[in-house]
Amino acid sequence: VQLVESGGGLVQIGDSLRLSCTASGRTFGMGWFRQPPGKDREFVGISWTGGEIVLADSVKGRFTISRENAKNTVHLQMNSLKVEDTAQYYCACKLELGGEYYWGQGTQVTVSS
């Protein structure tokens, strides 16, 4: 499966941004990870086929994930962005529960003060 991301960019504190990711086929779970400068990759959130959505505590209340199953697409709506949200954001998916993650190429989000 291939994942294509879009929507990254340079924004200011408090702005909003939406990332999108489209998979080349059906997936079981689709979501997002991010890697801040000089840090390890971290979980942001994921949407499972059954409808369950899990978000990291650090983004709850500011980020939402939505999914268009018919289009194999997942969106990450990011509101009230903070400088600490600056990172390379990666779309990820699983084809089955417990399976490995497949990764997109990443898209940069920079939040400027």
PDB file of N, CA and C in Angstrom:
ATOM      1  N   VAL A   1       0.846  -1.187   0.000  1.00  0.00           N
ATOM      2  CA  VAL A   1       0.000   0.000   0.000  1.00  0.00           C
ATOM      3  C   VAL A   1       0.888   1.246   0.000  1.00  0.00           C
ATOM      4  N   GLN A   2       0.468   2.246  -0.731  1.00  0.00           N
ATOM      5  CA  GLN A   2       1.197   3.525  -0.766  1.00  0.00           C
ATOM      6  C   GLN A   2       0.340   4.612  -0.148  1.00  0.00           C
ATOM      7  N   LEU A   3       1.001   5.511   0.555  1.00  0.00           N
ATOM      8  CA  LEU A   3       0.321   6.602   1.224  1.00  0.00           C
ATOM      9  C   LEU A   3       0.856   7.927   0.694  1.00  0.00           C
ATOM     10  N   VAL A   4      -0.055   8.828   0.367  1.00  0.00           N
ATOM     11  CA  VAL A   4       0.332  10.134  -0.147  1.00  0.00           C
ATOM     12  C   VAL A   4      -0.270  11.201   0.754  1.00  0.00           C
ATOM     13  N   GLU A   5       0.612  12.022   1.333  1.00  0.00           N
ATOM     14  CA  GLU A   5       0.177  13.054   2.268  1.00  0.00           C
ATOM     15  C   GLU A   5       0.162  14.411   1.588  1.00  0.00           C
ATOM     16  N   SER A   6      -0.629  15.305   2.143  1.00  0.00           N
ATOM     17  CA  SER A   6      -0.645  16.682   1.667  1.00  0.00           C
ATOM     18  C   SER A   6      -1.096  17.586   2.799  1.00  0.00           C
ATOM     19  N   GLY A   7      -0.787  18.870   2.664  1.00  0.00           N
ATOM     20  CA  GLY A   7      -1.335  19.841   3.590  1.00  0.00           C
ATOM     21  C   GLY A   7      -0.375  20.471   4.580  1.00  0.00           C
ATOM     22  N   GLY A   8       0.866  20.086   4.596  1.00  0.00           N
ATOM     23  CA  GLY A   8       1.801  20.685   5.532  1.00  0.00           C
ATOM     24  C   GLY A   8       2.129  22.117   5.142  1.00  0.00           C
ATOM     25  N   GLY A   9       2.851  22.801   6.035  1.00  0.00           N
ATOM     26  CA  GLY A   9       3.252  24.155   5.719  1.00  0.00           C
ATOM     27  C   GLY A   9       3.722  24.928   6.923  1.00  0.00           C
ATOM     28  N   LEU A  10       3.916  26.214   6.720  1.00  0.00           N
ATOM     29  CA  LEU A  10       4.365  27.134   7.771  1.00  0.00           C
ATOM     30  C   LEU A  10       3.188  27.976   8.231  1.00  0.00           C
ATOM     31  N   VAL A  11       2.924  27.920   9.530  1.00  0.00           N
ATOM     32  CA  VAL A  11       1.819  28.689  10.098  1.00  0.00           C
ATOM     33  C   VAL A  11       2.296  29.384  11.365  1.00  0.00           C
ATOM     34  N   GLN A  12       1.431  30.204  11.928  1.00  0.00           N
ATOM     35  CA  GLN A  12       1.757  30.910  13.159  1.00  0.00           C
ATOM     36  C   GLN A  12       1.016  30.298  14.343  1.00  0.00           C
ATOM     37  N   ILE A  13       1.482  30.618  15.526  1.00  0.00           N
ATOM     38  CA  ILE A  13       0.848  30.116  16.751  1.00  0.00           C
ATOM     39  C   ILE A  13      -0.645  30.441  16.726  1.00  0.00           C
ATOM     40  N   GLY A  14      -1.443  29.438  17.052  1.00  0.00           N
ATOM     41  CA  GLY A  14      -2.887  29.627  17.110  1.00  0.00           C
ATOM     42  C   GLY A  14      -3.612  29.351  15.806  1.00  0.00           C
ATOM     43  N   ASP A  15      -2.861  29.193  14.729  1.00  0.00           N
ATOM     44  CA  ASP A  15      -3.471  28.911  13.433  1.00  0.00           C
ATOM     45  C   ASP A  15      -3.963  27.469  13.351  1.00  0.00           C
ATOM     46  N   SER A  16      -4.663  27.198  12.263  1.00  0.00           N
ATOM     47  CA  SER A  16      -5.149  25.841  11.993  1.00  0.00           C
ATOM     48  C   SER A  16      -4.543  25.337  10.695  1.00  0.00           C
ATOM     49  N   LEU A  17      -4.488  24.028  10.593  1.00  0.00           N
ATOM     50  CA  LEU A  17      -3.956  23.387   9.392  1.00  0.00           C
ATOM     51  C   LEU A  17      -4.591  22.014   9.283  1.00  0.00           C
ATOM     52  N   ARG A  18      -4.830  21.576   8.058  1.00  0.00           N
ATOM     53  CA  ARG A  18      -5.385  20.242   7.875  1.00  0.00           C
ATOM     54  C   ARG A  18      -4.466  19.420   6.992  1.00  0.00           C
ATOM     55  N   LEU A  19      -4.110  18.276   7.485  1.00  0.00           N
ATOM     56  CA  LEU A  19      -3.334  17.317   6.712  1.00  0.00           C
ATOM     57  C   LEU A  19      -4.265  16.239   6.177  1.00  0.00           C
ATOM     58  N   SER A  20      -3.947  15.758   4.992  1.00  0.00           N
ATOM     59  CA  SER A  20      -4.722  14.669   4.399  1.00  0.00           C
ATOM     60  C   SER A  20      -3.782  13.576   3.925  1.00  0.00           C
ATOM     61  N   CYS A  21      -4.301  12.374   3.918  1.00  0.00           N
ATOM     62  CA  CYS A  21      -3.505  11.231   3.475  1.00  0.00           C
ATOM     63  C   CYS A  21      -4.437  10.261   2.758  1.00  0.00           C
ATOM     64  N   THR A  22      -4.028   9.848   1.583  1.00  0.00           N
ATOM     65  CA  THR A  22      -4.808   8.892   0.807  1.00  0.00           C
ATOM     66  C   THR A  22      -3.994   7.633   0.577  1.00  0.00           C
ATOM     67  N   ALA A  23      -4.621   6.512   0.860  1.00  0.00           N
ATOM     68  CA  ALA A  23      -3.979   5.218   0.649  1.00  0.00           C
ATOM     69  C   ALA A  23      -4.369   4.648  -0.707  1.00  0.00           C
ATOM     70  N   SER A  24      -3.494   3.827  -1.237  1.00  0.00           N
ATOM     71  CA  SER A  24      -3.737   3.245  -2.563  1.00  0.00           C
ATOM     72  C   SER A  24      -4.713   2.078  -2.509  1.00  0.00           C
ATOM     73  N   GLY A  25      -5.079   1.642  -1.294  1.00  0.00           N
ATOM     74  CA  GLY A  25      -6.026   0.556  -1.141  1.00  0.00           C
ATOM     75  C   GLY A  25      -6.723   0.649   0.201  1.00  0.00           C
ATOM     76  N   ARG A  26      -7.552  -0.345   0.480  1.00  0.00           N
ATOM     77  CA  ARG A  26      -8.282  -0.353   1.742  1.00  0.00           C
ATOM     78  C   ARG A  26      -7.337  -0.624   2.903  1.00  0.00           C
ATOM     79  N   THR A  27      -7.646   0.002   4.023  1.00  0.00           N
ATOM     80  CA  THR A  27      -6.826  -0.171   5.214  1.00  0.00           C
ATOM     81  C   THR A  27      -7.705  -0.490   6.409  1.00  0.00           C
ATOM     82  N   PHE A  28      -7.080  -1.014   7.454  1.00  0.00           N
ATOM     83  CA  PHE A  28      -7.804  -1.300   8.682  1.00  0.00           C
ATOM     84  C   PHE A  28      -7.749  -0.098   9.620  1.00  0.00           C
ATOM     85  N   GLY A  29      -6.602   0.521   9.709  1.00  0.00           N
ATOM     86  CA  GLY A  29      -6.428   1.709  10.526  1.00  0.00           C
ATOM     87  C   GLY A  29      -5.580   2.714   9.782  1.00  0.00           C
ATOM     88  N   MET A  30      -5.929   3.979   9.918  1.00  0.00           N
ATOM     89  CA  MET A  30      -5.140   5.043   9.302  1.00  0.00           C
ATOM     90  C   MET A  30      -4.963   6.146  10.322  1.00  0.00           C
ATOM     91  N   GLY A  31      -3.768   6.696  10.376  1.00  0.00           N
ATOM     92  CA  GLY A  31      -3.537   7.747  11.343  1.00  0.00           C
ATOM     93  C   GLY A  31      -2.249   8.500  11.109  1.00  0.00           C
ATOM     94  N   TRP A  32      -1.772   9.129  12.173  1.00  0.00           N
ATOM     95  CA  TRP A  32      -0.643  10.035  12.062  1.00  0.00           C
ATOM     96  C   TRP A  32       0.340   9.872  13.212  1.00  0.00           C
ATOM     97  N   PHE A  33       1.603   9.998  12.867  1.00  0.00           N
ATOM     98  CA  PHE A  33       2.691  10.122  13.812  1.00  0.00           C
ATOM     99  C   PHE A  33       3.428  11.411  13.467  1.00  0.00           C
ATOM    100  N   ARG A  34       4.271  11.855  14.370  1.00  0.00           N
ATOM    101  CA  ARG A  34       5.097  13.027  14.072  1.00  0.00           C
ATOM    102  C   ARG A  34       6.468  12.894  14.721  1.00  0.00           C
ATOM    103  N   GLN A  35       7.434  13.568  14.122  1.00  0.00           N
ATOM    104  CA  GLN A  35       8.784  13.554  14.645  1.00  0.00           C
ATOM    105  C   GLN A  35       9.286  14.982  14.767  1.00  0.00           C
ATOM    106  N   PRO A  36       9.282  15.521  15.996  1.00  0.00           N
ATOM    107  CA  PRO A  36       9.817  16.870  16.202  1.00  0.00           C
ATOM    108  C   PRO A  36      11.318  16.882  15.971  1.00  0.00           C
ATOM    109  N   PRO A  37      11.891  18.038  15.703  1.00  0.00           N
ATOM    110  CA  PRO A  37      13.336  18.134  15.475  1.00  0.00           C
ATOM    111  C   PRO A  37      14.136  17.579  16.653  1.00  0.00           C
ATOM    112  N   GLY A  38      15.025  16.652  16.373  1.00  0.00           N
ATOM    113  CA  GLY A  38      15.896  16.101  17.404  1.00  0.00           C
ATOM    114  C   GLY A  38      15.239  15.120  18.349  1.00  0.00           C
ATOM    115  N   LYS A  39      14.005  14.727  18.047  1.00  0.00           N
ATOM    116  CA  LYS A  39      13.295  13.816  18.943  1.00  0.00           C
ATOM    117  C   LYS A  39      12.837  12.572  18.188  1.00  0.00           C
ATOM    118  N   ASP A  40      12.358  11.592  18.949  1.00  0.00           N
ATOM    119  CA  ASP A  40      11.852  10.370  18.346  1.00  0.00           C
ATOM    120  C   ASP A  40      10.459  10.583  17.758  1.00  0.00           C
ATOM    121  N   ARG A  41      10.115   9.684  16.866  1.00  0.00           N
ATOM    122  CA  ARG A  41       8.765   9.720  16.302  1.00  0.00           C
ATOM    123  C   ARG A  41       7.757   9.398  17.395  1.00  0.00           C
ATOM    124  N   GLU A  42       6.637  10.115  17.384  1.00  0.00           N
ATOM    125  CA  GLU A  42       5.616   9.908  18.411  1.00  0.00           C
ATOM    126  C   GLU A  42       4.237   9.781  17.805  1.00  0.00           C
ATOM    127  N   PHE A  43       3.383   9.075  18.499  1.00  0.00           N
ATOM    128  CA  PHE A  43       2.017   8.841  18.061  1.00  0.00           C
ATOM    129  C   PHE A  43       1.192  10.116  18.198  1.00  0.00           C
ATOM    130  N   VAL A  44       0.369  10.390  17.185  1.00  0.00           N
ATOM    131  CA  VAL A  44      -0.553  11.529  17.233  1.00  0.00           C
ATOM    132  C   VAL A  44      -1.994  11.032  17.351  1.00  0.00           C
ATOM    133  N   GLY A  45      -2.391  10.167  16.464  1.00  0.00           N
ATOM    134  CA  GLY A  45      -3.745   9.655  16.518  1.00  0.00           C
ATOM    135  C   GLY A  45      -3.996   8.672  15.403  1.00  0.00           C
ATOM    136  N   ILE A  46      -5.073   7.897  15.570  1.00  0.00           N
ATOM    137  CA  ILE A  46      -5.402   6.901  14.571  1.00  0.00           C
ATOM    138  C   ILE A  46      -6.902   6.685  14.524  1.00  0.00           C
ATOM    139  N   SER A  47      -7.398   6.347  13.354  1.00  0.00           N
ATOM    140  CA  SER A  47      -8.805   6.036  13.144  1.00  0.00           C
ATOM    141  C   SER A  47      -8.898   4.596  12.663  1.00  0.00           C
ATOM    142  N   TRP A  48      -9.660   3.782  13.395  1.00  0.00           N
ATOM    143  CA  TRP A  48      -9.824   2.381  13.029  1.00  0.00           C
ATOM    144  C   TRP A  48     -11.085   2.205  12.204  1.00  0.00           C
ATOM    145  N   THR A  49     -11.105   1.190  11.404  1.00  0.00           N
ATOM    146  CA  THR A  49     -12.216   0.943  10.495  1.00  0.00           C
ATOM    147  C   THR A  49     -13.549   0.895  11.225  1.00  0.00           C
ATOM    148  N   GLY A  50     -13.574   0.355  12.416  1.00  0.00           N
ATOM    149  CA  GLY A  50     -14.834   0.240  13.160  1.00  0.00           C
ATOM    150  C   GLY A  50     -15.362   1.558  13.683  1.00  0.00           C
ATOM    151  N   GLY A  51     -14.586   2.630  13.534  1.00  0.00           N
ATOM    152  CA  GLY A  51     -15.031   3.940  13.979  1.00  0.00           C
ATOM    153  C   GLY A  51     -14.294   4.490  15.170  1.00  0.00           C
ATOM    154  N   GLU A  52     -13.549   3.649  15.878  1.00  0.00           N
ATOM    155  CA  GLU A  52     -12.828   4.134  17.048  1.00  0.00           C
ATOM    156  C   GLU A  52     -11.699   5.064  16.633  1.00  0.00           C
ATOM    157  N   ILE A  53     -11.567   6.158  17.357  1.00  0.00           N
ATOM    158  CA  ILE A  53     -10.486   7.119  17.141  1.00  0.00           C
ATOM    159  C   ILE A  53      -9.709   7.274  18.437  1.00  0.00           C
ATOM    160  N   VAL A  54      -8.411   7.188  18.333  1.00  0.00           N
ATOM    161  CA  VAL A  54      -7.544   7.359  19.492  1.00  0.00           C
ATOM    162  C   VAL A  54      -6.613   8.528  19.226  1.00  0.00           C
ATOM    163  N   LEU A  55      -6.517   9.444  20.181  1.00  0.00           N
ATOM    164  CA  LEU A  55      -5.647  10.601  20.057  1.00  0.00           C
ATOM    165  C   LEU A  55      -4.667  10.647  21.225  1.00  0.00           C
ATOM    166  N   ALA A  56      -3.482  11.135  20.950  1.00  0.00           N
ATOM    167  CA  ALA A  56      -2.508  11.342  22.009  1.00  0.00           C
ATOM    168  C   ALA A  56      -2.995  12.443  22.952  1.00  0.00           C
ATOM    169  N   ASP A  57      -2.662  12.322  24.225  1.00  0.00           N
ATOM    170  CA  ASP A  57      -3.091  13.318  25.206  1.00  0.00           C
ATOM    171  C   ASP A  57      -2.618  14.719  24.840  1.00  0.00           C
ATOM    172  N   SER A  58      -1.454  14.797  24.229  1.00  0.00           N
ATOM    173  CA  SER A  58      -0.865  16.104  23.909  1.00  0.00           C
ATOM    174  C   SER A  58      -1.657  16.885  22.868  1.00  0.00           C
ATOM    175  N   VAL A  59      -2.526  16.210  22.128  1.00  0.00           N
ATOM    176  CA  VAL A  59      -3.275  16.897  21.072  1.00  0.00           C
ATOM    177  C   VAL A  59      -4.779  16.870  21.298  1.00  0.00           C
ATOM    178  N   LYS A  60      -5.239  16.164  22.303  1.00  0.00           N
ATOM    179  CA  LYS A  60      -6.681  16.101  22.571  1.00  0.00           C
ATOM    180  C   LYS A  60      -7.235  17.502  22.819  1.00  0.00           C
ATOM    181  N   GLY A  61      -8.390  17.749  22.223  1.00  0.00           N
ATOM    182  CA  GLY A  61      -9.008  19.074  22.369  1.00  0.00           C
ATOM    183  C   GLY A  61      -8.552  20.065  21.310  1.00  0.00           C
ATOM    184  N   ARG A  62      -7.477  19.733  20.598  1.00  0.00           N
ATOM    185  CA  ARG A  62      -6.983  20.625  19.544  1.00  0.00           C
ATOM    186  C   ARG A  62      -6.977  19.950  18.177  1.00  0.00           C
ATOM    187  N   PHE A  63      -6.667  18.687  18.136  1.00  0.00           N
ATOM    188  CA  PHE A  63      -6.593  17.947  16.872  1.00  0.00           C
ATOM    189  C   PHE A  63      -7.774  16.985  16.773  1.00  0.00           C
ATOM    190  N   THR A  64      -8.254  16.796  15.584  1.00  0.00           N
ATOM    191  CA  THR A  64      -9.264  15.774  15.331  1.00  0.00           C
ATOM    192  C   THR A  64      -8.879  14.969  14.097  1.00  0.00           C
ATOM    193  N   ILE A  65      -9.293  13.730  14.095  1.00  0.00           N
ATOM    194  CA  ILE A  65      -9.072  12.847  12.946  1.00  0.00           C
ATOM    195  C   ILE A  65     -10.414  12.467  12.363  1.00  0.00           C
ATOM    196  N   SER A  66     -10.499  12.550  11.057  1.00  0.00           N
ATOM    197  CA  SER A  66     -11.696  12.096  10.370  1.00  0.00           C
ATOM    198  C   SER A  66     -11.269  11.218   9.199  1.00  0.00           C
ATOM    199  N   ARG A  67     -12.179  10.389   8.777  1.00  0.00           N
ATOM    200  CA  ARG A  67     -11.813   9.405   7.768  1.00  0.00           C
ATOM    201  C   ARG A  67     -12.924   9.287   6.736  1.00  0.00           C
ATOM    202  N   GLU A  68     -12.506   9.172   5.495  1.00  0.00           N
ATOM    203  CA  GLU A  68     -13.437   8.920   4.395  1.00  0.00           C
ATOM    204  C   GLU A  68     -13.106   7.532   3.855  1.00  0.00           C
ATOM    205  N   ASN A  69     -13.825   6.535   4.345  1.00  0.00           N
ATOM    206  CA  ASN A  69     -13.501   5.152   3.980  1.00  0.00           C
ATOM    207  C   ASN A  69     -13.618   4.896   2.475  1.00  0.00           C
ATOM    208  N   ALA A  70     -14.617   5.502   1.858  1.00  0.00           N
ATOM    209  CA  ALA A  70     -14.830   5.273   0.430  1.00  0.00           C
ATOM    210  C   ALA A  70     -13.659   5.789  -0.406  1.00  0.00           C
ATOM    211  N   LYS A  71     -12.931   6.763   0.147  1.00  0.00           N
ATOM    212  CA  LYS A  71     -11.803   7.361  -0.572  1.00  0.00           C
ATOM    213  C   LYS A  71     -10.460   6.915   0.000  1.00  0.00           C
ATOM    214  N   ASN A  72     -10.490   6.007   0.980  1.00  0.00           N
ATOM    215  CA  ASN A  72      -9.253   5.558   1.641  1.00  0.00           C
ATOM    216  C   ASN A  72      -8.427   6.741   2.109  1.00  0.00           C
ATOM    217  N   THR A  73      -9.113   7.717   2.667  1.00  0.00           N
ATOM    218  CA  THR A  73      -8.464   8.968   3.048  1.00  0.00           C
ATOM    219  C   THR A  73      -8.706   9.275   4.521  1.00  0.00           C
ATOM    220  N   VAL A  74      -7.671   9.803   5.159  1.00  0.00           N
ATOM    221  CA  VAL A  74      -7.784  10.256   6.535  1.00  0.00           C
ATOM    222  C   VAL A  74      -7.294  11.687   6.609  1.00  0.00           C
ATOM    223  N   HIS A  75      -7.958  12.480   7.447  1.00  0.00           N
ATOM    224  CA  HIS A  75      -7.586  13.875   7.631  1.00  0.00           C
ATOM    225  C   HIS A  75      -7.176  14.116   9.076  1.00  0.00           C
ATOM    226  N   LEU A  76      -6.253  15.012   9.255  1.00  0.00           N
ATOM    227  CA  LEU A  76      -5.867  15.460  10.594  1.00  0.00           C
ATOM    228  C   LEU A  76      -6.098  16.967  10.650  1.00  0.00           C
ATOM    229  N   GLN A  77      -7.140  17.359  11.367  1.00  0.00           N
ATOM    230  CA  GLN A  77      -7.428  18.778  11.539  1.00  0.00           C
ATOM    231  C   GLN A  77      -6.711  19.254  12.793  1.00  0.00           C
ATOM    232  N   MET A  78      -5.833  20.214  12.615  1.00  0.00           N
ATOM    233  CA  MET A  78      -5.033  20.716  13.721  1.00  0.00           C
ATOM    234  C   MET A  78      -5.411  22.162  14.001  1.00  0.00           C
ATOM    235  N   ASN A  79      -5.929  22.414  15.181  1.00  0.00           N
ATOM    236  CA  ASN A  79      -6.326  23.765  15.593  1.00  0.00           C
ATOM    237  C   ASN A  79      -5.451  24.229  16.755  1.00  0.00           C
ATOM    238  N   SER A  80      -5.465  25.517  16.986  1.00  0.00           N
ATOM    239  CA  SER A  80      -4.712  26.106  18.098  1.00  0.00           C
ATOM    240  C   SER A  80      -3.277  25.596  18.128  1.00  0.00           C
ATOM    241  N   LEU A  81      -2.623  25.675  16.997  1.00  0.00           N
ATOM    242  CA  LEU A  81      -1.282  25.107  16.877  1.00  0.00           C
ATOM    243  C   LEU A  81      -0.284  25.828  17.779  1.00  0.00           C
ATOM    244  N   LYS A  82       0.634  25.045  18.310  1.00  0.00           N
ATOM    245  CA  LYS A  82       1.670  25.546  19.198  1.00  0.00           C
ATOM    246  C   LYS A  82       3.049  25.326  18.556  1.00  0.00           C
ATOM    247  N   VAL A  83       4.021  26.033  19.044  1.00  0.00           N
ATOM    248  CA  VAL A  83       5.375  25.864  18.526  1.00  0.00           C
ATOM    249  C   VAL A  83       5.815  24.408  18.673  1.00  0.00           C
ATOM    250  N   GLU A  84       5.411  23.786  19.758  1.00  0.00           N
ATOM    251  CA  GLU A  84       5.818  22.393  20.014  1.00  0.00           C
ATOM    252  C   GLU A  84       5.138  21.385  19.084  1.00  0.00           C
ATOM    253  N   ASP A  85       4.207  21.843  18.265  1.00  0.00           N
ATOM    254  CA  ASP A  85       3.613  20.959  17.256  1.00  0.00           C
ATOM    255  C   ASP A  85       4.479  20.891  16.000  1.00  0.00           C
ATOM    256  N   THR A  86       5.507  21.704  15.945  1.00  0.00           N
ATOM    257  CA  THR A  86       6.421  21.670  14.810  1.00  0.00           C
ATOM    258  C   THR A  86       7.055  20.299  14.695  1.00  0.00           C
ATOM    259  N   ALA A  87       6.914  19.690  13.527  1.00  0.00           N
ATOM    260  CA  ALA A  87       7.425  18.330  13.336  1.00  0.00           C
ATOM    261  C   ALA A  87       7.215  17.900  11.895  1.00  0.00           C
ATOM    262  N   GLN A  88       7.864  16.817  11.565  1.00  0.00           N
ATOM    263  CA  GLN A  88       7.555  16.114  10.315  1.00  0.00           C
ATOM    264  C   GLN A  88       6.408  15.172  10.654  1.00  0.00           C
ATOM    265  N   TYR A  89       5.311  15.290   9.945  1.00  0.00           N
ATOM    266  CA  TYR A  89       4.143  14.471  10.213  1.00  0.00           C
ATOM    267  C   TYR A  89       4.072  13.338   9.189  1.00  0.00           C
ATOM    268  N   TYR A  90       3.862  12.148   9.705  1.00  0.00           N
ATOM    269  CA  TYR A  90       3.827  10.963   8.864  1.00  0.00           C
ATOM    270  C   TYR A  90       2.459  10.294   8.938  1.00  0.00           C
ATOM    271  N   CYS A  91       1.908  10.030   7.794  1.00  0.00           N
ATOM    272  CA  CYS A  91       0.716   9.212   7.725  1.00  0.00           C
ATOM    273  C   CYS A  91       1.137   7.751   7.873  1.00  0.00           C
ATOM    274  N   ALA A  92       0.318   6.987   8.562  1.00  0.00           N
ATOM    275  CA  ALA A  92       0.613   5.576   8.747  1.00  0.00           C
ATOM    276  C   ALA A  92      -0.681   4.778   8.643  1.00  0.00           C
ATOM    277  N   CYS A  93      -0.558   3.543   8.223  1.00  0.00           N
ATOM    278  CA  CYS A  93      -1.736   2.702   8.166  1.00  0.00           C
ATOM    279  C   CYS A  93      -1.381   1.260   8.495  1.00  0.00           C
ATOM    280  N   LYS A  94      -2.403   0.534   8.900  1.00  0.00           N
ATOM    281  CA  LYS A  94      -2.283  -0.904   9.080  1.00  0.00           C
ATOM    282  C   LYS A  94      -3.336  -1.579   8.215  1.00  0.00           C
ATOM    283  N   LEU A  95      -2.968  -2.715   7.664  1.00  0.00           N
ATOM    284  CA  LEU A  95      -3.913  -3.455   6.827  1.00  0.00           C
ATOM    285  C   LEU A  95      -4.731  -4.433   7.655  1.00  0.00           C
ATOM    286  N   GLU A  96      -4.251  -4.722   8.862  1.00  0.00           N
ATOM    287  CA  GLU A  96      -4.961  -5.611   9.762  1.00  0.00           C
ATOM    288  C   GLU A  96      -4.529  -5.306  11.184  1.00  0.00           C
ATOM    289  N   LEU A  97      -5.384  -5.664  12.135  1.00  0.00           N
ATOM    290  CA  LEU A  97      -5.051  -5.449  13.531  1.00  0.00           C
ATOM    291  C   LEU A  97      -3.813  -6.260  13.882  1.00  0.00           C
ATOM    292  N   GLY A  98      -2.853  -5.623  14.488  1.00  0.00           N
ATOM    293  CA  GLY A  98      -1.624  -6.308  14.852  1.00  0.00           C
ATOM    294  C   GLY A  98      -0.585  -6.346  13.760  1.00  0.00           C
ATOM    295  N   GLY A  99      -0.948  -5.899  12.580  1.00  0.00           N
ATOM    296  CA  GLY A  99      -0.009  -5.896  11.478  1.00  0.00           C
ATOM    297  C   GLY A  99       0.994  -4.764  11.591  1.00  0.00           C
ATOM    298  N   GLU A 100       1.901  -4.704  10.662  1.00  0.00           N
ATOM    299  CA  GLU A 100       2.906  -3.659  10.685  1.00  0.00           C
ATOM    300  C   GLU A 100       2.325  -2.356  10.154  1.00  0.00           C
ATOM    301  N   TYR A 101       3.002  -1.258  10.502  1.00  0.00           N
ATOM    302  CA  TYR A 101       2.619   0.033   9.960  1.00  0.00           C
ATOM    303  C   TYR A 101       3.267   0.227   8.588  1.00  0.00           C
ATOM    304  N   TYR A 102       2.529   0.831   7.698  1.00  0.00           N
ATOM    305  CA  TYR A 102       3.050   1.333   6.443  1.00  0.00           C
ATOM    306  C   TYR A 102       3.090   2.857   6.568  1.00  0.00           C
ATOM    307  N   TRP A 103       4.118   3.465   5.930  1.00  0.00           N
ATOM    308  CA  TRP A 103       4.367   4.879   6.168  1.00  0.00           C
ATOM    309  C   TRP A 103       4.323   5.707   4.893  1.00  0.00           C
ATOM    310  N   GLY A 104       3.849   6.948   5.067  1.00  0.00           N
ATOM    311  CA  GLY A 104       3.955   7.917   4.001  1.00  0.00           C
ATOM    312  C   GLY A 104       5.324   8.570   4.023  1.00  0.00           C
ATOM    313  N   GLN A 105       5.538   9.484   3.104  1.00  0.00           N
ATOM    314  CA  GLN A 105       6.849  10.114   2.985  1.00  0.00           C
ATOM    315  C   GLN A 105       7.047  11.241   3.988  1.00  0.00           C
ATOM    316  N   GLY A 106       5.977  11.700   4.587  1.00  0.00           N
ATOM    317  CA  GLY A 106       6.067  12.758   5.575  1.00  0.00           C
ATOM    318  C   GLY A 106       5.789  14.124   4.990  1.00  0.00           C
ATOM    319  N   THR A 107       5.239  14.994   5.816  1.00  0.00           N
ATOM    320  CA  THR A 107       4.998  16.369   5.415  1.00  0.00           C
ATOM    321  C   THR A 107       5.346  17.273   6.601  1.00  0.00           C
ATOM    322  N   GLN A 108       6.017  18.367   6.314  1.00  0.00           N
ATOM    323  CA  GLN A 108       6.525  19.228   7.369  1.00  0.00           C
ATOM    324  C   GLN A 108       5.475  20.227   7.820  1.00  0.00           C
ATOM    325  N   VAL A 109       5.334  20.337   9.130  1.00  0.00           N
ATOM    326  CA  VAL A 109       4.496  21.366   9.738  1.00  0.00           C
ATOM    327  C   VAL A 109       5.397  22.201  10.638  1.00  0.00           C
ATOM    328  N   THR A 110       5.436  23.487  10.364  1.00  0.00           N
ATOM    329  CA  THR A 110       6.241  24.398  11.172  1.00  0.00           C
ATOM    330  C   THR A 110       5.342  25.480  11.736  1.00  0.00           C
ATOM    331  N   VAL A 111       5.375  25.612  13.049  1.00  0.00           N
ATOM    332  CA  VAL A 111       4.578  26.625  13.727  1.00  0.00           C
ATOM    333  C   VAL A 111       5.532  27.694  14.243  1.00  0.00           C
ATOM    334  N   SER A 112       5.351  28.882  13.723  1.00  0.00           N
ATOM    335  CA  SER A 112       6.265  29.982  14.042  1.00  0.00           C
ATOM    336  C   SER A 112       5.657  30.916  15.075  1.00  0.00           C
ATOM    337  N   SER A 113       6.527  31.430  15.919  1.00  0.00           N
ATOM    338  CA  SER A 113       6.075  32.416  16.905  1.00  0.00           C
ATOM    339  C   SER A 113       6.260  33.833  16.363  1.00  0.00           C
TER     340      SER A 113
END
